[in-house]
């Protein structure tokens, strides 16, 4: 039973990882894509502040 649960979670983790890679590679406009773009924008803003 425990092995089945671990297998299920590993498959879900793999699917989540694939989706994350696809979001970063293709910039798909989904909820996760918007979240990633917000992070990228905030990182760019913080970099601009550091340069000043």
PDB file of N, CA and C in Angstrom:
ATOM      1  N   UNK A   1       0.829  -1.208   0.000  1.00  0.00           N
ATOM      2  CA  UNK A   1       0.000   0.000   0.000  1.00  0.00           C
ATOM      3  C   UNK A   1       0.862   1.256   0.000  1.00  0.00           C
ATOM      4  N   UNK A   2       1.887   1.281   0.869  1.00  0.00           N
ATOM      5  CA  UNK A   2       2.760   2.455   0.949  1.00  0.00           C
ATOM      6  C   UNK A   2       3.490   2.662  -0.378  1.00  0.00           C
ATOM      7  N   UNK A   3       3.922   1.571  -1.005  1.00  0.00           N
ATOM      8  CA  UNK A   3       4.617   1.687  -2.285  1.00  0.00           C
ATOM      9  C   UNK A   3       3.720   2.333  -3.333  1.00  0.00           C
ATOM     10  N   UNK A   4       2.434   1.983  -3.328  1.00  0.00           N
ATOM     11  CA  UNK A   4       1.500   2.566  -4.292  1.00  0.00           C
ATOM     12  C   UNK A   4       1.355   4.069  -4.083  1.00  0.00           C
ATOM     13  N   UNK A   5       1.316   4.489  -2.818  1.00  0.00           N
ATOM     14  CA  UNK A   5       1.193   5.917  -2.512  1.00  0.00           C
ATOM     15  C   UNK A   5       2.441   6.656  -2.980  1.00  0.00           C
ATOM     16  N   UNK A   6       3.608   6.084  -2.719  1.00  0.00           N
ATOM     17  CA  UNK A   6       4.857   6.713  -3.154  1.00  0.00           C
ATOM     18  C   UNK A   6       4.911   6.801  -4.673  1.00  0.00           C
ATOM     19  N   UNK A   7       4.460   5.760  -5.350  1.00  0.00           N
ATOM     20  CA  UNK A   7       4.438   5.759  -6.810  1.00  0.00           C
ATOM     21  C   UNK A   7       3.510   6.848  -7.328  1.00  0.00           C
ATOM     22  N   UNK A   8       2.335   6.966  -6.710  1.00  0.00           N
ATOM     23  CA  UNK A   8       1.371   7.986  -7.116  1.00  0.00           C
ATOM     24  C   UNK A   8       1.963   9.383  -6.963  1.00  0.00           C
ATOM     25  N   UNK A   9       2.604   9.643  -5.812  1.00  0.00           N
ATOM     26  CA  UNK A   9       3.182  10.959  -5.582  1.00  0.00           C
ATOM     27  C   UNK A   9       4.349  11.243  -6.517  1.00  0.00           C
ATOM     28  N   UNK A  10       5.146  10.226  -6.817  1.00  0.00           N
ATOM     29  CA  UNK A  10       6.266  10.437  -7.734  1.00  0.00           C
ATOM     30  C   UNK A  10       5.758  10.750  -9.138  1.00  0.00           C
ATOM     31  N   UNK A  11       4.676  10.091  -9.553  1.00  0.00           N
ATOM     32  CA  UNK A  11       4.093  10.376 -10.871  1.00  0.00           C
ATOM     33  C   UNK A  11       3.531  11.794 -10.898  1.00  0.00           C
ATOM     34  N   UNK A  12       2.817  12.179  -9.831  1.00  0.00           N
ATOM     35  CA  UNK A  12       2.262  13.536  -9.765  1.00  0.00           C
ATOM     36  C   UNK A  12       3.380  14.577  -9.764  1.00  0.00           C
ATOM     37  N   UNK A  13       4.459  14.298  -9.049  1.00  0.00           N
ATOM     38  CA  UNK A  13       5.591  15.212  -9.024  1.00  0.00           C
ATOM     39  C   UNK A  13       6.234  15.345 -10.390  1.00  0.00           C
ATOM     40  N   UNK A  14       6.343  14.232 -11.098  1.00  0.00           N
ATOM     41  CA  UNK A  14       6.915  14.249 -12.444  1.00  0.00           C
ATOM     42  C   UNK A  14       6.041  15.069 -13.388  1.00  0.00           C
ATOM     43  N   UNK A  15       4.723  14.879 -13.296  1.00  0.00           N
ATOM     44  CA  UNK A  15       3.795  15.650 -14.135  1.00  0.00           C
ATOM     45  C   UNK A  15       3.909  17.139 -13.821  1.00  0.00           C
ATOM     46  N   UNK A  16       3.972  17.474 -12.534  1.00  0.00           N
ATOM     47  CA  UNK A  16       4.102  18.875 -12.135  1.00  0.00           C
ATOM     48  C   UNK A  16       5.404  19.464 -12.663  1.00  0.00           C
ATOM     49  N   UNK A  17       6.489  18.690 -12.606  1.00  0.00           N
ATOM     50  CA  UNK A  17       7.782  19.153 -13.104  1.00  0.00           C
ATOM     51  C   UNK A  17       7.732  19.397 -14.608  1.00  0.00           C
ATOM     52  N   UNK A  18       7.096  18.479 -15.345  1.00  0.00           N
ATOM     53  CA  UNK A  18       6.970  18.640 -16.798  1.00  0.00           C
ATOM     54  C   UNK A  18       6.178  19.900 -17.119  1.00  0.00           C
ATOM     55  N   UNK A  19       5.075  20.120 -16.388  1.00  0.00           N
ATOM     56  CA  UNK A  19       4.280  21.324 -16.621  1.00  0.00           C
ATOM     57  C   UNK A  19       5.094  22.577 -16.330  1.00  0.00           C
ATOM     58  N   UNK A  20       5.895  22.554 -15.263  1.00  0.00           N
ATOM     59  CA  UNK A  20       6.721  23.711 -14.923  1.00  0.00           C
ATOM     60  C   UNK A  20       7.722  23.998 -16.035  1.00  0.00           C
ATOM     61  N   UNK A  21       8.369  22.961 -16.557  1.00  0.00           N
ATOM     62  CA  UNK A  21       9.327  23.131 -17.653  1.00  0.00           C
ATOM     63  C   UNK A  21       8.626  23.692 -18.885  1.00  0.00           C
ATOM     64  N   UNK A  22       7.439  23.169 -19.188  1.00  0.00           N
ATOM     65  CA  UNK A  22       6.692  23.673 -20.343  1.00  0.00           C
ATOM     66  C   UNK A  22       6.312  25.135 -20.148  1.00  0.00           C
ATOM     67  N   UNK A  23       5.901  25.507 -18.942  1.00  0.00           N
ATOM     68  CA  UNK A  23       5.559  26.902 -18.656  1.00  0.00           C
ATOM     69  C   UNK A  23       6.766  27.801 -18.910  1.00  0.00           C
ATOM     70  N   UNK A  24       7.928  27.394 -18.416  1.00  0.00           N
ATOM     71  CA  UNK A  24       9.122  28.218 -18.575  1.00  0.00           C
ATOM     72  C   UNK A  24       9.561  28.271 -20.032  1.00  0.00           C
ATOM     73  N   UNK A  25       9.431  27.154 -20.741  1.00  0.00           N
ATOM     74  CA  UNK A  25       9.914  27.091 -22.114  1.00  0.00           C
ATOM     75  C   UNK A  25       8.984  27.817 -23.080  1.00  0.00           C
ATOM     76  N   UNK A  26       7.686  27.675 -22.872  1.00  0.00           N
ATOM     77  CA  UNK A  26       6.725  28.190 -23.846  1.00  0.00           C
ATOM     78  C   UNK A  26       5.989  29.431 -23.363  1.00  0.00           C
ATOM     79  N   UNK A  27       6.125  29.793 -22.078  1.00  0.00           N
ATOM     80  CA  UNK A  27       5.383  30.915 -21.490  1.00  0.00           C
ATOM     81  C   UNK A  27       3.895  30.817 -21.801  1.00  0.00           C
ATOM     82  N   UNK A  28       3.309  29.681 -21.478  1.00  0.00           N
ATOM     83  CA  UNK A  28       1.881  29.486 -21.690  1.00  0.00           C
ATOM     84  C   UNK A  28       1.118  30.412 -20.746  1.00  0.00           C
ATOM     85  N   UNK A  29       0.057  31.036 -21.252  1.00  0.00           N
ATOM     86  CA  UNK A  29      -0.700  31.990 -20.446  1.00  0.00           C
ATOM     87  C   UNK A  29      -1.747  31.248 -19.621  1.00  0.00           C
ATOM     88  N   UNK A  30      -1.283  30.541 -18.611  1.00  0.00           N
ATOM     89  CA  UNK A  30      -2.176  29.880 -17.667  1.00  0.00           C
ATOM     90  C   UNK A  30      -1.956  30.502 -16.300  1.00  0.00           C
ATOM     91  N   UNK A  31      -2.642  29.994 -15.306  1.00  0.00           N
ATOM     92  CA  UNK A  31      -2.462  30.525 -13.953  1.00  0.00           C
ATOM     93  C   UNK A  31      -1.003  30.402 -13.532  1.00  0.00           C
ATOM     94  N   UNK A  32      -0.403  29.230 -13.767  1.00  0.00           N
ATOM     95  CA  UNK A  32       0.998  29.034 -13.410  1.00  0.00           C
ATOM     96  C   UNK A  32       1.894  29.947 -14.245  1.00  0.00           C
ATOM     97  N   UNK A  33       1.551  30.140 -15.521  1.00  0.00           N
ATOM     98  CA  UNK A  33       2.324  31.020 -16.390  1.00  0.00           C
ATOM     99  C   UNK A  33       2.307  32.453 -15.895  1.00  0.00           C
ATOM    100  N   UNK A  34       1.137  32.904 -15.455  1.00  0.00           N
ATOM    101  CA  UNK A  34       1.037  34.264 -14.911  1.00  0.00           C
ATOM    102  C   UNK A  34       1.852  34.382 -13.637  1.00  0.00           C
ATOM    103  N   UNK A  35       1.807  33.328 -12.805  1.00  0.00           N
ATOM    104  CA  UNK A  35       2.564  33.327 -11.554  1.00  0.00           C
ATOM    105  C   UNK A  35       4.059  33.409 -11.835  1.00  0.00           C
ATOM    106  N   UNK A  36       4.524  32.628 -12.817  1.00  0.00           N
ATOM    107  CA  UNK A  36       5.940  32.633 -13.187  1.00  0.00           C
ATOM    108  C   UNK A  36       6.339  33.999 -13.733  1.00  0.00           C
ATOM    109  N   UNK A  37       5.483  34.605 -14.566  1.00  0.00           N
ATOM    110  CA  UNK A  37       5.816  35.911 -15.133  1.00  0.00           C
ATOM    111  C   UNK A  37       5.861  36.976 -14.041  1.00  0.00           C
ATOM    112  N   UNK A  38       4.996  36.858 -13.023  1.00  0.00           N
ATOM    113  CA  UNK A  38       5.059  37.801 -11.899  1.00  0.00           C
ATOM    114  C   UNK A  38       6.391  37.674 -11.180  1.00  0.00           C
ATOM    115  N   UNK A  39       6.847  36.439 -10.977  1.00  0.00           N
ATOM    116  CA  UNK A  39       8.136  36.217 -10.316  1.00  0.00           C
ATOM    117  C   UNK A  39       9.262  36.815 -11.160  1.00  0.00           C
ATOM    118  N   UNK A  40       9.214  36.602 -12.481  1.00  0.00           N
ATOM    119  CA  UNK A  40      10.245  37.154 -13.362  1.00  0.00           C
ATOM    120  C   UNK A  40      10.258  38.678 -13.291  1.00  0.00           C
ATOM    121  N   UNK A  41       9.063  39.301 -13.289  1.00  0.00           N
ATOM    122  CA  UNK A  41       8.985  40.763 -13.219  1.00  0.00           C
ATOM    123  C   UNK A  41       9.538  41.273 -11.898  1.00  0.00           C
ATOM    124  N   UNK A  42       9.187  40.622 -10.793  1.00  0.00           N
ATOM    125  CA  UNK A  42       9.668  41.066  -9.487  1.00  0.00           C
ATOM    126  C   UNK A  42      11.184  40.890  -9.396  1.00  0.00           C
ATOM    127  N   UNK A  43      11.718  39.829  -9.991  1.00  0.00           N
ATOM    128  CA  UNK A  43      13.167  39.642 -10.013  1.00  0.00           C
ATOM    129  C   UNK A  43      13.843  40.739 -10.825  1.00  0.00           C
ATOM    130  N   UNK A  44      13.241  41.114 -11.951  1.00  0.00           N
ATOM    131  CA  UNK A  44      13.806  42.173 -12.784  1.00  0.00           C
ATOM    132  C   UNK A  44      13.789  43.497 -12.030  1.00  0.00           C
ATOM    133  N   UNK A  45      12.705  43.768 -11.296  1.00  0.00           N
ATOM    134  CA  UNK A  45      12.621  45.010 -10.523  1.00  0.00           C
ATOM    135  C   UNK A  45      13.693  45.043  -9.447  1.00  0.00           C
ATOM    136  N   UNK A  46      13.888  43.928  -8.752  1.00  0.00           N
ATOM    137  CA  UNK A  46      14.883  43.896  -7.687  1.00  0.00           C
ATOM    138  C   UNK A  46      16.293  44.054  -8.264  1.00  0.00           C
ATOM    139  N   UNK A  47      16.536  43.504  -9.455  1.00  0.00           N
ATOM    140  CA  UNK A  47      17.844  43.670 -10.092  1.00  0.00           C
ATOM    141  C   UNK A  47      18.080  45.131 -10.463  1.00  0.00           C
ATOM    142  N   UNK A  48      17.039  45.804 -10.962  1.00  0.00           N
ATOM    143  CA  UNK A  48      17.169  47.217 -11.315  1.00  0.00           C
ATOM    144  C   UNK A  48      17.469  48.057 -10.078  1.00  0.00           C
ATOM    145  N   UNK A  49      16.860  47.731  -8.954  1.00  0.00           N
ATOM    146  CA  UNK A  49      17.118  48.469  -7.718  1.00  0.00           C
ATOM    147  C   UNK A  49      18.556  48.267  -7.263  1.00  0.00           C
ATOM    148  N   UNK A  50      19.067  47.042  -7.410  1.00  0.00           N
ATOM    149  CA  UNK A  50      20.438  46.763  -6.981  1.00  0.00           C
ATOM    150  C   UNK A  50      21.445  47.548  -7.810  1.00  0.00           C
ATOM    151  N   UNK A  51      21.151  47.759  -9.096  1.00  0.00           N
ATOM    152  CA  UNK A  51      22.080  48.482  -9.965  1.00  0.00           C
ATOM    153  C   UNK A  51      22.143  49.968  -9.631  1.00  0.00           C
ATOM    154  N   UNK A  52      21.035  50.532  -9.114  1.00  0.00           N
ATOM    155  CA  UNK A  52      20.996  51.970  -8.796  1.00  0.00           C
ATOM    156  C   UNK A  52      21.825  52.312  -7.618  1.00  0.00           C
TER     157      UNK A  52
END
